[in-house]
Amino acid sequence: MPEGHQGEGFFATSFDKVIGLARKNSIWPLPFATSCCGIEFMATMGAHYDLARFGSERVGFSPRQCDLLMVMGTIAKKMGPVVKQVYLQMAEPRWVLAVGACASSGGIFDTYSVLQGIDQVVPVDVYVPGCPPRPEAIIDGVIRIQDLVGKESLRRRSGEKYKALLESYGIQ
């Protein structure tokens, strides 16, 4: 619950906090899974771990309807522009979760064809370590995204610092 004044039959708080509460409890993830981390994500969506408990029940496969890009697994350099295009097709505000060692840093694949972390093509908000990460770690990453979303100012995305970050990735 956000900070505010509570009485009998009412609750008053700021508009930023209400929007943050609504956003953090209605995240629509877009899984971009390429290898074993995707299998762990499937387990996370299953009945035993149930990611739906955290407001991320609707997994979408259209970037225009989702606001959390979950990149899981090895990303080849040829796939880098595709990841960036999917990111650009998502509506603002959008967040990125790098799941596993391969998406975070290239993992054990230090070769000419593997992207050494997706933060070379899109800005990443939260990294989930592991090879592959356990479902509990993926849930922890989603909770960290929720904390970030809930505390984010409505004006952050139009600020100079955010625009400079996007420009550093070649995003207008």
N, C-alpha and C. Protein backbone atom coordinates (compact mmCIF):
# COMPACT_ATOMS: atom_id res chain seq x y z
N MET A 1 0.84 -1.18 0.00
CA MET A 1 0.00 0.00 0.00
C MET A 1 0.89 1.25 0.00
N PRO A 2 0.56 2.22 -0.81
CA PRO A 2 1.37 3.45 -0.82
C PRO A 2 1.12 4.28 0.43
N GLU A 3 2.04 5.22 0.68
CA GLU A 3 1.86 6.13 1.81
C GLU A 3 0.66 7.02 1.56
N GLY A 4 -0.04 7.37 2.60
CA GLY A 4 -1.20 8.25 2.44
C GLY A 4 -1.95 8.41 3.75
N HIS A 5 -3.08 9.07 3.65
CA HIS A 5 -3.94 9.31 4.82
C HIS A 5 -5.14 8.40 4.71
N GLN A 6 -5.41 7.69 5.81
CA GLN A 6 -6.50 6.73 5.79
C GLN A 6 -7.49 7.08 6.88
N GLY A 7 -8.74 6.97 6.53
CA GLY A 7 -9.81 7.18 7.48
C GLY A 7 -10.88 6.14 7.27
N GLU A 8 -11.99 6.32 7.91
CA GLU A 8 -13.07 5.36 7.74
C GLU A 8 -13.75 5.58 6.39
N GLY A 9 -13.54 4.65 5.48
CA GLY A 9 -14.18 4.72 4.18
C GLY A 9 -13.43 5.49 3.12
N PHE A 10 -12.18 5.95 3.41
CA PHE A 10 -11.42 6.65 2.38
C PHE A 10 -9.93 6.43 2.56
N PHE A 11 -9.21 6.66 1.49
CA PHE A 11 -7.75 6.60 1.49
C PHE A 11 -7.27 7.66 0.51
N ALA A 12 -6.40 8.55 0.94
CA ALA A 12 -5.89 9.62 0.09
C ALA A 12 -4.37 9.51 -0.04
N THR A 13 -3.90 9.62 -1.27
CA THR A 13 -2.47 9.58 -1.55
C THR A 13 -2.21 10.38 -2.83
N SER A 14 -0.97 10.42 -3.26
CA SER A 14 -0.64 11.19 -4.46
C SER A 14 -0.94 10.36 -5.72
N PHE A 15 -1.11 11.05 -6.82
CA PHE A 15 -1.42 10.42 -8.10
C PHE A 15 -0.28 9.52 -8.56
N ASP A 16 0.98 9.95 -8.35
CA ASP A 16 2.15 9.15 -8.72
C ASP A 16 2.12 7.78 -8.04
N LYS A 17 1.75 7.76 -6.77
CA LYS A 17 1.76 6.51 -6.02
C LYS A 17 0.63 5.57 -6.44
N VAL A 18 -0.49 6.12 -6.81
CA VAL A 18 -1.60 5.28 -7.30
C VAL A 18 -1.24 4.67 -8.64
N ILE A 19 -0.67 5.47 -9.54
CA ILE A 19 -0.24 4.96 -10.84
C ILE A 19 0.85 3.90 -10.67
N GLY A 20 1.80 4.16 -9.78
CA GLY A 20 2.86 3.19 -9.51
C GLY A 20 2.31 1.87 -8.98
N LEU A 21 1.33 1.93 -8.09
CA LEU A 21 0.71 0.73 -7.54
C LEU A 21 -0.01 -0.06 -8.63
N ALA A 22 -0.72 0.64 -9.50
CA ALA A 22 -1.43 -0.03 -10.59
C ALA A 22 -0.45 -0.65 -11.59
N ARG A 23 0.59 0.08 -11.93
CA ARG A 23 1.57 -0.44 -12.90
C ARG A 23 2.30 -1.66 -12.37
N LYS A 24 2.73 -1.60 -11.12
CA LYS A 24 3.56 -2.68 -10.59
C LYS A 24 2.79 -3.97 -10.42
N ASN A 25 1.48 -3.87 -10.28
CA ASN A 25 0.66 -5.08 -10.12
C ASN A 25 -0.03 -5.52 -11.40
N SER A 26 0.36 -4.94 -12.52
CA SER A 26 -0.23 -5.36 -13.81
C SER A 26 0.82 -5.37 -14.91
N ILE A 27 1.97 -5.95 -14.63
CA ILE A 27 3.04 -6.04 -15.62
C ILE A 27 2.73 -7.16 -16.60
N TRP A 28 2.86 -6.85 -17.88
CA TRP A 28 2.64 -7.85 -18.93
C TRP A 28 4.00 -8.22 -19.53
N PRO A 29 4.52 -9.39 -19.19
CA PRO A 29 5.83 -9.77 -19.70
C PRO A 29 5.79 -10.30 -21.14
N LEU A 30 6.86 -10.02 -21.86
CA LEU A 30 7.08 -10.55 -23.20
C LEU A 30 8.33 -11.42 -23.13
N PRO A 31 8.18 -12.75 -23.13
CA PRO A 31 9.36 -13.60 -23.06
C PRO A 31 10.07 -13.69 -24.40
N PHE A 32 11.38 -13.45 -24.39
CA PHE A 32 12.23 -13.62 -25.56
C PHE A 32 13.22 -14.70 -25.16
N ALA A 33 12.79 -15.96 -25.28
CA ALA A 33 13.56 -17.09 -24.78
C ALA A 33 14.22 -17.84 -25.92
N THR A 34 15.52 -18.11 -25.77
CA THR A 34 16.24 -18.79 -26.83
C THR A 34 16.85 -20.11 -26.41
N SER A 35 16.97 -20.38 -25.13
CA SER A 35 17.63 -21.64 -24.73
C SER A 35 17.15 -22.08 -23.35
N CYS A 36 18.03 -22.67 -22.56
CA CYS A 36 17.64 -23.33 -21.31
C CYS A 36 16.97 -22.40 -20.30
N CYS A 37 17.28 -21.12 -20.33
CA CYS A 37 16.62 -20.19 -19.41
C CYS A 37 15.13 -20.11 -19.72
N GLY A 38 14.76 -20.30 -20.96
CA GLY A 38 13.35 -20.33 -21.34
C GLY A 38 12.61 -21.48 -20.70
N ILE A 39 13.29 -22.62 -20.54
CA ILE A 39 12.68 -23.78 -19.89
C ILE A 39 12.43 -23.47 -18.41
N GLU A 40 13.38 -22.81 -17.77
CA GLU A 40 13.18 -22.41 -16.38
C GLU A 40 12.03 -21.40 -16.26
N PHE A 41 11.89 -20.52 -17.25
CA PHE A 41 10.77 -19.58 -17.24
C PHE A 41 9.45 -20.33 -17.36
N MET A 42 9.42 -21.38 -18.17
CA MET A 42 8.19 -22.19 -18.28
C MET A 42 7.83 -22.80 -16.93
N ALA A 43 8.84 -23.24 -16.18
CA ALA A 43 8.59 -23.76 -14.84
C ALA A 43 8.07 -22.67 -13.92
N THR A 44 8.57 -21.46 -14.10
CA THR A 44 8.12 -20.33 -13.28
C THR A 44 6.65 -20.02 -13.52
N MET A 45 6.20 -20.20 -14.75
CA MET A 45 4.79 -19.94 -15.07
C MET A 45 3.88 -21.09 -14.66
N GLY A 46 4.45 -22.24 -14.32
CA GLY A 46 3.67 -23.41 -13.95
C GLY A 46 3.01 -23.27 -12.59
N ALA A 47 2.25 -24.29 -12.23
CA ALA A 47 1.44 -24.26 -11.01
C ALA A 47 2.28 -24.22 -9.73
N HIS A 48 3.47 -24.82 -9.75
CA HIS A 48 4.25 -24.90 -8.53
C HIS A 48 4.79 -23.53 -8.10
N TYR A 49 5.25 -22.72 -9.05
CA TYR A 49 5.81 -21.41 -8.72
C TYR A 49 4.81 -20.28 -8.99
N ASP A 50 4.05 -20.36 -10.06
CA ASP A 50 2.92 -19.49 -10.34
C ASP A 50 3.25 -18.00 -10.31
N LEU A 51 3.86 -17.53 -11.39
CA LEU A 51 4.20 -16.12 -11.52
C LEU A 51 2.96 -15.23 -11.53
N ALA A 52 1.80 -15.82 -11.80
CA ALA A 52 0.55 -15.05 -11.83
C ALA A 52 0.23 -14.43 -10.48
N ARG A 53 0.77 -14.97 -9.41
CA ARG A 53 0.53 -14.40 -8.07
C ARG A 53 1.07 -12.98 -7.96
N PHE A 54 2.00 -12.63 -8.84
CA PHE A 54 2.67 -11.34 -8.75
C PHE A 54 2.17 -10.35 -9.79
N GLY A 55 1.01 -10.59 -10.37
CA GLY A 55 0.44 -9.65 -11.32
C GLY A 55 0.99 -9.77 -12.73
N SER A 56 1.68 -10.86 -13.02
CA SER A 56 2.26 -11.05 -14.36
C SER A 56 1.65 -12.27 -15.04
N GLU A 57 0.37 -12.42 -14.89
CA GLU A 57 -0.29 -13.62 -15.41
C GLU A 57 -0.40 -13.61 -16.93
N ARG A 58 -0.66 -12.46 -17.49
CA ARG A 58 -0.88 -12.39 -18.93
C ARG A 58 0.46 -12.27 -19.64
N VAL A 59 0.97 -13.38 -20.12
CA VAL A 59 2.20 -13.37 -20.90
C VAL A 59 1.81 -13.07 -22.34
N GLY A 60 2.37 -12.01 -22.90
CA GLY A 60 2.03 -11.62 -24.26
C GLY A 60 3.15 -11.92 -25.23
N PHE A 61 2.77 -12.10 -26.48
CA PHE A 61 3.78 -12.35 -27.51
C PHE A 61 3.70 -11.29 -28.59
N SER A 62 3.07 -10.18 -28.27
CA SER A 62 3.05 -9.01 -29.15
C SER A 62 3.71 -7.86 -28.40
N PRO A 63 4.80 -7.31 -28.93
CA PRO A 63 5.50 -6.25 -28.19
C PRO A 63 4.65 -5.01 -27.96
N ARG A 64 3.68 -4.77 -28.78
CA ARG A 64 2.86 -3.57 -28.64
C ARG A 64 1.93 -3.63 -27.43
N GLN A 65 1.74 -4.81 -26.87
CA GLN A 65 0.84 -4.96 -25.73
C GLN A 65 1.58 -5.21 -24.42
N CYS A 66 2.88 -5.39 -24.46
CA CYS A 66 3.64 -5.75 -23.27
C CYS A 66 4.52 -4.59 -22.80
N ASP A 67 4.88 -4.64 -21.52
CA ASP A 67 5.73 -3.58 -20.98
C ASP A 67 6.98 -4.10 -20.28
N LEU A 68 7.17 -5.42 -20.23
CA LEU A 68 8.38 -6.01 -19.64
C LEU A 68 8.97 -7.00 -20.64
N LEU A 69 10.15 -6.68 -21.15
CA LEU A 69 10.86 -7.57 -22.05
C LEU A 69 11.77 -8.46 -21.22
N MET A 70 11.50 -9.77 -21.24
CA MET A 70 12.31 -10.73 -20.50
C MET A 70 13.18 -11.47 -21.51
N VAL A 71 14.46 -11.11 -21.58
CA VAL A 71 15.38 -11.76 -22.50
C VAL A 71 16.06 -12.89 -21.75
N MET A 72 15.87 -14.11 -22.28
CA MET A 72 16.39 -15.30 -21.60
C MET A 72 17.21 -16.13 -22.57
N GLY A 73 18.44 -16.41 -22.22
CA GLY A 73 19.25 -17.30 -23.03
C GLY A 73 20.28 -16.59 -23.88
N THR A 74 20.95 -17.40 -24.69
CA THR A 74 22.04 -16.93 -25.54
C THR A 74 21.49 -16.09 -26.69
N ILE A 75 22.03 -14.90 -26.86
CA ILE A 75 21.62 -14.02 -27.95
C ILE A 75 22.81 -13.89 -28.90
N ALA A 76 22.62 -14.39 -30.12
CA ALA A 76 23.66 -14.25 -31.14
C ALA A 76 23.71 -12.80 -31.63
N LYS A 77 24.86 -12.41 -32.15
CA LYS A 77 25.00 -11.03 -32.63
C LYS A 77 24.02 -10.72 -33.74
N LYS A 78 23.65 -11.71 -34.54
CA LYS A 78 22.65 -11.50 -35.58
C LYS A 78 21.27 -11.24 -35.00
N MET A 79 21.03 -11.68 -33.76
CA MET A 79 19.73 -11.47 -33.12
C MET A 79 19.67 -10.14 -32.39
N GLY A 80 20.80 -9.48 -32.19
CA GLY A 80 20.83 -8.20 -31.49
C GLY A 80 19.88 -7.17 -32.08
N PRO A 81 19.90 -6.95 -33.41
CA PRO A 81 18.95 -5.99 -34.00
C PRO A 81 17.49 -6.40 -33.82
N VAL A 82 17.22 -7.69 -33.75
CA VAL A 82 15.85 -8.16 -33.53
C VAL A 82 15.40 -7.82 -32.12
N VAL A 83 16.27 -8.04 -31.14
CA VAL A 83 15.95 -7.69 -29.76
C VAL A 83 15.68 -6.19 -29.66
N LYS A 84 16.52 -5.39 -30.32
CA LYS A 84 16.33 -3.94 -30.29
C LYS A 84 15.02 -3.54 -30.96
N GLN A 85 14.66 -4.18 -32.07
CA GLN A 85 13.41 -3.86 -32.76
C GLN A 85 12.21 -4.22 -31.89
N VAL A 86 12.27 -5.36 -31.23
CA VAL A 86 11.18 -5.75 -30.32
C VAL A 86 11.06 -4.72 -29.20
N TYR A 87 12.20 -4.29 -28.66
CA TYR A 87 12.21 -3.27 -27.60
C TYR A 87 11.58 -1.97 -28.09
N LEU A 88 11.92 -1.56 -29.29
CA LEU A 88 11.38 -0.31 -29.84
C LEU A 88 9.90 -0.40 -30.13
N GLN A 89 9.39 -1.58 -30.41
CA GLN A 89 7.96 -1.74 -30.69
C GLN A 89 7.12 -1.71 -29.43
N MET A 90 7.75 -1.85 -28.28
CA MET A 90 7.01 -1.80 -27.02
C MET A 90 6.67 -0.34 -26.69
N ALA A 91 5.51 -0.16 -26.09
CA ALA A 91 5.08 1.19 -25.70
C ALA A 91 5.78 1.60 -24.41
N GLU A 92 5.98 2.89 -24.25
CA GLU A 92 6.51 3.40 -22.99
C GLU A 92 5.39 3.42 -21.96
N PRO A 93 5.66 3.21 -20.71
CA PRO A 93 6.95 2.83 -20.13
C PRO A 93 7.23 1.35 -20.35
N ARG A 94 8.48 1.02 -20.54
CA ARG A 94 8.90 -0.36 -20.78
C ARG A 94 10.13 -0.66 -19.95
N TRP A 95 10.23 -1.92 -19.55
CA TRP A 95 11.34 -2.35 -18.73
C TRP A 95 11.95 -3.61 -19.33
N VAL A 96 13.22 -3.89 -18.97
CA VAL A 96 13.93 -5.05 -19.51
C VAL A 96 14.52 -5.85 -18.36
N LEU A 97 14.32 -7.17 -18.41
CA LEU A 97 14.85 -8.11 -17.44
C LEU A 97 15.76 -9.08 -18.19
N ALA A 98 17.05 -9.08 -17.86
CA ALA A 98 18.00 -10.01 -18.47
C ALA A 98 18.09 -11.24 -17.58
N VAL A 99 17.62 -12.38 -18.08
CA VAL A 99 17.54 -13.60 -17.29
C VAL A 99 18.67 -14.55 -17.69
N GLY A 100 19.50 -14.90 -16.73
CA GLY A 100 20.56 -15.87 -16.96
C GLY A 100 21.88 -15.24 -17.33
N ALA A 101 22.91 -16.06 -17.24
CA ALA A 101 24.27 -15.59 -17.51
C ALA A 101 24.45 -15.19 -18.98
N CYS A 102 23.82 -15.92 -19.89
CA CYS A 102 24.01 -15.63 -21.32
C CYS A 102 23.42 -14.27 -21.72
N ALA A 103 22.22 -13.98 -21.24
CA ALA A 103 21.60 -12.69 -21.56
C ALA A 103 22.31 -11.55 -20.84
N SER A 104 22.85 -11.83 -19.66
CA SER A 104 23.51 -10.78 -18.88
C SER A 104 24.92 -10.48 -19.36
N SER A 105 25.69 -11.55 -19.70
CA SER A 105 27.10 -11.32 -20.03
C SER A 105 27.65 -12.24 -21.11
N GLY A 106 26.81 -12.97 -21.79
CA GLY A 106 27.30 -13.90 -22.80
C GLY A 106 27.55 -15.29 -22.25
N GLY A 107 27.55 -15.42 -20.92
CA GLY A 107 27.74 -16.72 -20.29
C GLY A 107 29.08 -17.35 -20.62
N ILE A 108 29.05 -18.65 -20.85
CA ILE A 108 30.28 -19.38 -21.16
C ILE A 108 30.67 -19.25 -22.62
N PHE A 109 29.84 -18.59 -23.40
CA PHE A 109 30.06 -18.49 -24.84
C PHE A 109 30.79 -17.20 -25.19
N ASP A 110 32.08 -17.18 -24.95
CA ASP A 110 32.90 -16.02 -25.28
C ASP A 110 33.44 -16.21 -26.70
N THR A 111 32.53 -16.10 -27.67
CA THR A 111 32.88 -16.35 -29.07
C THR A 111 32.52 -15.15 -29.93
N TYR A 112 32.94 -15.19 -31.18
CA TYR A 112 32.71 -14.10 -32.10
C TYR A 112 31.23 -13.90 -32.42
N SER A 113 30.41 -14.95 -32.26
CA SER A 113 29.03 -14.87 -32.71
C SER A 113 28.02 -14.56 -31.61
N VAL A 114 28.45 -14.57 -30.35
CA VAL A 114 27.52 -14.38 -29.23
C VAL A 114 27.65 -12.98 -28.67
N LEU A 115 26.52 -12.33 -28.50
CA LEU A 115 26.47 -11.00 -27.89
C LEU A 115 26.84 -11.12 -26.42
N GLN A 116 27.79 -10.36 -25.97
CA GLN A 116 28.27 -10.44 -24.59
C GLN A 116 27.43 -9.56 -23.68
N GLY A 117 26.15 -9.89 -23.59
CA GLY A 117 25.21 -9.15 -22.77
C GLY A 117 24.28 -8.31 -23.62
N ILE A 118 22.99 -8.36 -23.32
CA ILE A 118 22.02 -7.60 -24.12
C ILE A 118 22.08 -6.11 -23.83
N ASP A 119 22.81 -5.74 -22.77
CA ASP A 119 22.94 -4.30 -22.50
C ASP A 119 23.80 -3.60 -23.54
N GLN A 120 24.30 -4.34 -24.52
CA GLN A 120 24.98 -3.72 -25.66
C GLN A 120 24.00 -3.20 -26.69
N VAL A 121 22.73 -3.68 -26.65
CA VAL A 121 21.74 -3.23 -27.63
C VAL A 121 20.53 -2.54 -27.02
N VAL A 122 20.15 -2.89 -25.80
CA VAL A 122 19.02 -2.24 -25.12
C VAL A 122 19.38 -1.99 -23.65
N PRO A 123 18.83 -0.95 -23.04
CA PRO A 123 19.10 -0.71 -21.62
C PRO A 123 18.41 -1.78 -20.76
N VAL A 124 19.12 -2.31 -19.79
CA VAL A 124 18.59 -3.37 -18.92
C VAL A 124 18.32 -2.78 -17.54
N ASP A 125 17.16 -3.12 -16.97
CA ASP A 125 16.79 -2.63 -15.65
C ASP A 125 17.22 -3.58 -14.54
N VAL A 126 17.02 -4.89 -14.73
CA VAL A 126 17.35 -5.87 -13.70
C VAL A 126 18.02 -7.07 -14.35
N TYR A 127 19.07 -7.57 -13.71
CA TYR A 127 19.77 -8.77 -14.15
C TYR A 127 19.45 -9.91 -13.19
N VAL A 128 19.14 -11.09 -13.73
CA VAL A 128 18.91 -12.29 -12.92
C VAL A 128 20.08 -13.24 -13.17
N PRO A 129 20.90 -13.52 -12.14
CA PRO A 129 22.06 -14.39 -12.34
C PRO A 129 21.67 -15.86 -12.37
N GLY A 130 22.57 -16.68 -12.88
CA GLY A 130 22.36 -18.12 -12.88
C GLY A 130 22.54 -18.72 -14.26
N CYS A 131 22.85 -20.01 -14.27
CA CYS A 131 23.04 -20.71 -15.54
C CYS A 131 22.51 -22.13 -15.42
N PRO A 132 21.26 -22.37 -15.68
CA PRO A 132 20.17 -21.40 -15.79
C PRO A 132 19.70 -20.99 -14.40
N PRO A 133 19.07 -19.83 -14.28
CA PRO A 133 18.57 -19.41 -12.97
C PRO A 133 17.38 -20.25 -12.53
N ARG A 134 17.29 -20.49 -11.26
CA ARG A 134 16.14 -21.22 -10.71
C ARG A 134 14.88 -20.37 -10.84
N PRO A 135 13.72 -20.99 -10.84
CA PRO A 135 12.47 -20.21 -10.90
C PRO A 135 12.35 -19.18 -9.78
N GLU A 136 12.90 -19.49 -8.62
CA GLU A 136 12.86 -18.52 -7.51
C GLU A 136 13.63 -17.26 -7.86
N ALA A 137 14.74 -17.41 -8.58
CA ALA A 137 15.53 -16.25 -8.98
C ALA A 137 14.78 -15.41 -10.01
N ILE A 138 14.06 -16.07 -10.92
CA ILE A 138 13.27 -15.33 -11.90
C ILE A 138 12.15 -14.56 -11.20
N ILE A 139 11.51 -15.19 -10.23
CA ILE A 139 10.47 -14.51 -9.45
C ILE A 139 11.07 -13.32 -8.71
N ASP A 140 12.27 -13.49 -8.14
CA ASP A 140 12.94 -12.39 -7.45
C ASP A 140 13.23 -11.24 -8.42
N GLY A 141 13.63 -11.56 -9.64
CA GLY A 141 13.85 -10.52 -10.65
C GLY A 141 12.57 -9.77 -10.99
N VAL A 142 11.45 -10.48 -11.10
CA VAL A 142 10.17 -9.83 -11.37
C VAL A 142 9.77 -8.94 -10.20
N ILE A 143 10.01 -9.40 -8.98
CA ILE A 143 9.69 -8.57 -7.80
C ILE A 143 10.56 -7.31 -7.78
N ARG A 144 11.82 -7.43 -8.18
CA ARG A 144 12.69 -6.24 -8.25
C ARG A 144 12.20 -5.27 -9.33
N ILE A 145 11.72 -5.80 -10.44
CA ILE A 145 11.12 -4.94 -11.47
C ILE A 145 9.89 -4.25 -10.90
N GLN A 146 9.06 -4.99 -10.16
CA GLN A 146 7.87 -4.39 -9.56
C GLN A 146 8.23 -3.26 -8.61
N ASP A 147 9.27 -3.45 -7.80
CA ASP A 147 9.72 -2.39 -6.90
C ASP A 147 10.16 -1.16 -7.69
N LEU A 148 10.90 -1.39 -8.77
CA LEU A 148 11.37 -0.29 -9.62
C LEU A 148 10.19 0.45 -10.25
N VAL A 149 9.21 -0.31 -10.75
CA VAL A 149 8.04 0.27 -11.40
C VAL A 149 7.20 1.06 -10.40
N GLY A 150 7.02 0.51 -9.21
CA GLY A 150 6.20 1.17 -8.21
C GLY A 150 6.76 2.48 -7.70
N LYS A 151 8.09 2.61 -7.70
CA LYS A 151 8.74 3.81 -7.18
C LYS A 151 9.11 4.82 -8.26
N GLU A 152 8.91 4.43 -9.53
CA GLU A 152 9.32 5.31 -10.63
C GLU A 152 8.41 6.53 -10.74
N SER A 153 9.02 7.68 -10.92
CA SER A 153 8.26 8.91 -11.11
C SER A 153 7.62 8.93 -12.48
N LEU A 154 6.47 9.54 -12.58
CA LEU A 154 5.79 9.64 -13.88
C LEU A 154 6.58 10.51 -14.85
N ARG A 155 7.41 11.39 -14.32
CA ARG A 155 8.17 12.32 -15.16
C ARG A 155 9.56 11.79 -15.54
N ARG A 156 9.96 10.64 -15.01
CA ARG A 156 11.31 10.13 -15.27
C ARG A 156 11.53 9.88 -16.76
N ARG A 157 10.54 9.35 -17.44
CA ARG A 157 10.70 8.97 -18.85
C ARG A 157 10.83 10.18 -19.77
N SER A 158 10.42 11.35 -19.31
CA SER A 158 10.56 12.55 -20.14
C SER A 158 11.74 13.41 -19.69
N GLY A 159 12.52 12.90 -18.73
CA GLY A 159 13.67 13.64 -18.22
C GLY A 159 14.88 13.57 -19.14
N GLU A 160 15.79 14.49 -18.97
CA GLU A 160 16.99 14.57 -19.79
C GLU A 160 17.90 13.35 -19.60
N LYS A 161 17.99 12.86 -18.36
CA LYS A 161 18.86 11.72 -18.07
C LYS A 161 18.38 10.46 -18.81
N TYR A 162 17.07 10.25 -18.84
CA TYR A 162 16.51 9.09 -19.55
C TYR A 162 16.69 9.23 -21.06
N LYS A 163 16.48 10.43 -21.57
CA LYS A 163 16.66 10.65 -23.01
C LYS A 163 18.12 10.44 -23.41
N ALA A 164 19.05 10.86 -22.54
CA ALA A 164 20.47 10.66 -22.83
C ALA A 164 20.82 9.18 -22.82
N LEU A 165 20.19 8.41 -21.90
CA LEU A 165 20.42 6.96 -21.84
C LEU A 165 19.96 6.31 -23.16
N LEU A 166 18.78 6.67 -23.64
CA LEU A 166 18.27 6.10 -24.88
C LEU A 166 19.13 6.50 -26.07
N GLU A 167 19.59 7.75 -26.08
CA GLU A 167 20.44 8.22 -27.18
C GLU A 167 21.77 7.47 -27.21
N SER A 168 22.27 7.05 -26.03
CA SER A 168 23.51 6.29 -25.99
C SER A 168 23.35 4.91 -26.64
N TYR A 169 22.12 4.44 -26.74
CA TYR A 169 21.83 3.19 -27.44
C TYR A 169 21.35 3.43 -28.87
N GLY A 170 21.35 4.67 -29.32
CA GLY A 170 20.92 4.98 -30.67
C GLY A 170 19.41 4.96 -30.83
N ILE A 171 18.70 5.20 -29.73
CA ILE A 171 17.23 5.18 -29.74
C ILE A 171 16.75 6.61 -29.61
N GLN A 172 15.89 7.02 -30.52
CA GLN A 172 15.36 8.39 -30.50
C GLN A 172 14.16 8.51 -29.59
